[in-house]
Structures are given as C-alpha cells and as structure tokens.
Amino acid sequence: MSTLELSRPGLSEQLTRRERVVLSNLTEDVTLEEIASRLFVTRNTVKSQVRSVYRKLGVSTRADAVACAHAFGLR
C-alpha cells in the first residue's frame, strides 16, 4: 500500500459525482473545452471542477491527478 493510499482513506467519497466524471475525462487526451462540450457546461465550469479535484487530491498536474485516479480505482 502506498503512502498516498494511507493518507487518503475514502477519497472517492470526498469527490463529488461531477468531480469524478471530470477526473475520468482527464484520463483521456482531450482539452478542457472538449470535456466541457461533452458535459454540456462551460470551459470555466470544468476548469473550476478540475481545480477542486486537484485540491482534494493534493496534486498540481493532470498527470498526477490521473495517477491518483488509477491508484484509487477511480476511472
């Protein structure tokens, strides 16, 4: 078990349903605009949700967020 897993119990419960949807879209090679189009929201809404996901995961890059998603089985 990694240090991250020990320090973040119940992570999937900390993320809202929409944040989990946005995080799953981050695993693909798409822009924030493309994600926004898929979810029928504005780019700024997605940008805000991504910032919230990063904050909750304690990361600062898309690659780190995707790695956390995979580590916790959030895809």
C-alpha atoms as a PDB file:
ATOM      1  CA  MET A   1       0.000   0.000   0.000  1.00  0.00           C
ATOM      2  CA  SER A   2       1.419   3.392  -0.960  1.00  0.00           C
ATOM      3  CA  THR A   3       1.796   6.401   1.319  1.00  0.00           C
ATOM      4  CA  LEU A   4      -0.868   8.178  -0.716  1.00  0.00           C
ATOM      5  CA  GLU A   5      -3.348   5.381  -0.077  1.00  0.00           C
ATOM      6  CA  LEU A   6      -2.674   5.534   3.645  1.00  0.00           C
ATOM      7  CA  SER A   7      -3.090   9.291   3.807  1.00  0.00           C
ATOM      8  CA  ARG A   8      -6.289   9.473   1.731  1.00  0.00           C
ATOM      9  CA  PRO A   9      -8.865   6.998   3.065  1.00  0.00           C
ATOM     10  CA  GLY A  10     -12.300   7.358   1.500  1.00  0.00           C
ATOM     11  CA  LEU A  11     -11.051   9.593  -1.275  1.00  0.00           C
ATOM     12  CA  SER A  12     -13.825   8.634  -3.647  1.00  0.00           C
ATOM     13  CA  GLU A  13     -16.331   9.893  -1.081  1.00  0.00           C
ATOM     14  CA  GLN A  14     -14.519  13.232  -0.906  1.00  0.00           C
ATOM     15  CA  LEU A  15     -15.014  13.871  -4.618  1.00  0.00           C
ATOM     16  CA  THR A  16     -18.455  14.818  -5.860  1.00  0.00           C
ATOM     17  CA  ARG A  17     -20.072  12.760  -8.592  1.00  0.00           C
ATOM     18  CA  ARG A  18     -19.328  15.505 -11.126  1.00  0.00           C
ATOM     19  CA  GLU A  19     -15.703  15.754  -9.990  1.00  0.00           C
ATOM     20  CA  ARG A  20     -15.335  12.009 -10.535  1.00  0.00           C
ATOM     21  CA  VAL A  21     -16.810  12.418 -14.038  1.00  0.00           C
ATOM     22  CA  VAL A  22     -14.376  15.247 -14.822  1.00  0.00           C
ATOM     23  CA  LEU A  23     -11.476  13.223 -13.401  1.00  0.00           C
ATOM     24  CA  SER A  24     -12.387  10.259 -15.588  1.00  0.00           C
ATOM     25  CA  ASN A  25     -12.346  12.563 -18.624  1.00  0.00           C
ATOM     26  CA  LEU A  26      -8.896  13.830 -17.650  1.00  0.00           C
ATOM     27  CA  THR A  27      -7.544  10.337 -18.275  1.00  0.00           C
ATOM     28  CA  GLU A  28      -8.167  10.855 -21.986  1.00  0.00           C
ATOM     29  CA  ASP A  29      -6.125  13.086 -24.260  1.00  0.00           C
ATOM     30  CA  VAL A  30      -8.755  15.830 -24.540  1.00  0.00           C
ATOM     31  CA  THR A  31      -8.821  19.542 -23.804  1.00  0.00           C
ATOM     32  CA  LEU A  32     -10.903  21.206 -21.118  1.00  0.00           C
ATOM     33  CA  GLU A  33     -13.050  22.655 -23.905  1.00  0.00           C
ATOM     34  CA  GLU A  34     -13.754  19.174 -25.239  1.00  0.00           C
ATOM     35  CA  ILE A  35     -14.672  17.952 -21.761  1.00  0.00           C
ATOM     36  CA  ALA A  36     -16.972  20.940 -21.318  1.00  0.00           C
ATOM     37  CA  SER A  37     -18.673  20.200 -24.612  1.00  0.00           C
ATOM     38  CA  ARG A  38     -19.224  16.565 -23.618  1.00  0.00           C
ATOM     39  CA  LEU A  39     -20.705  17.594 -20.266  1.00  0.00           C
ATOM     40  CA  PHE A  40     -22.758  20.499 -21.664  1.00  0.00           C
ATOM     41  CA  VAL A  41     -21.099  23.078 -19.408  1.00  0.00           C
ATOM     42  CA  THR A  42     -18.659  25.935 -19.965  1.00  0.00           C
ATOM     43  CA  ARG A  43     -14.895  25.569 -20.040  1.00  0.00           C
ATOM     44  CA  ASN A  44     -14.714  27.727 -16.900  1.00  0.00           C
ATOM     45  CA  THR A  45     -17.001  25.288 -15.063  1.00  0.00           C
ATOM     46  CA  VAL A  46     -14.722  22.389 -15.981  1.00  0.00           C
ATOM     47  CA  LYS A  47     -11.666  24.444 -15.047  1.00  0.00           C
ATOM     48  CA  SER A  48     -13.175  25.128 -11.621  1.00  0.00           C
ATOM     49  CA  GLN A  49     -14.033  21.454 -11.123  1.00  0.00           C
ATOM     50  CA  VAL A  50     -10.518  20.422 -12.145  1.00  0.00           C
ATOM     51  CA  ARG A  51      -9.029  22.856  -9.606  1.00  0.00           C
ATOM     52  CA  SER A  52     -11.282  21.361  -6.930  1.00  0.00           C
ATOM     53  CA  VAL A  53     -10.195  17.829  -7.867  1.00  0.00           C
ATOM     54  CA  TYR A  54      -6.518  18.846  -7.749  1.00  0.00           C
ATOM     55  CA  ARG A  55      -7.008  20.440  -4.327  1.00  0.00           C
ATOM     56  CA  LYS A  56      -8.796  17.397  -2.914  1.00  0.00           C
ATOM     57  CA  LEU A  57      -6.196  15.023  -4.332  1.00  0.00           C
ATOM     58  CA  GLY A  58      -3.307  17.222  -3.230  1.00  0.00           C
ATOM     59  CA  VAL A  59      -1.831  17.394  -6.735  1.00  0.00           C
ATOM     60  CA  SER A  60      -0.961  20.172  -9.147  1.00  0.00           C
ATOM     61  CA  THR A  61      -0.816  18.478 -12.536  1.00  0.00           C
ATOM     62  CA  ARG A  62      -3.141  16.497 -14.749  1.00  0.00           C
ATOM     63  CA  ALA A  63      -0.698  13.583 -14.824  1.00  0.00           C
ATOM     64  CA  ASP A  64      -0.638  13.419 -11.018  1.00  0.00           C
ATOM     65  CA  ALA A  65      -4.446  13.558 -10.856  1.00  0.00           C
ATOM     66  CA  VAL A  66      -4.706  10.703 -13.367  1.00  0.00           C
ATOM     67  CA  ALA A  67      -2.149   8.680 -11.391  1.00  0.00           C
ATOM     68  CA  CYS A  68      -4.214   9.191  -8.222  1.00  0.00           C
ATOM     69  CA  ALA A  69      -7.361   8.150 -10.068  1.00  0.00           C
ATOM     70  CA  HIS A  70      -5.712   4.924 -11.167  1.00  0.00           C
ATOM     71  CA  ALA A  71      -4.251   4.284  -7.698  1.00  0.00           C
ATOM     72  CA  PHE A  72      -7.703   4.558  -6.138  1.00  0.00           C
ATOM     73  CA  GLY A  73      -9.548   2.774  -8.921  1.00  0.00           C
ATOM     74  CA  LEU A  74     -11.388   5.973  -9.888  1.00  0.00           C
ATOM     75  CA  ARG A  75     -11.588   5.890 -13.664  1.00  0.00           C
END
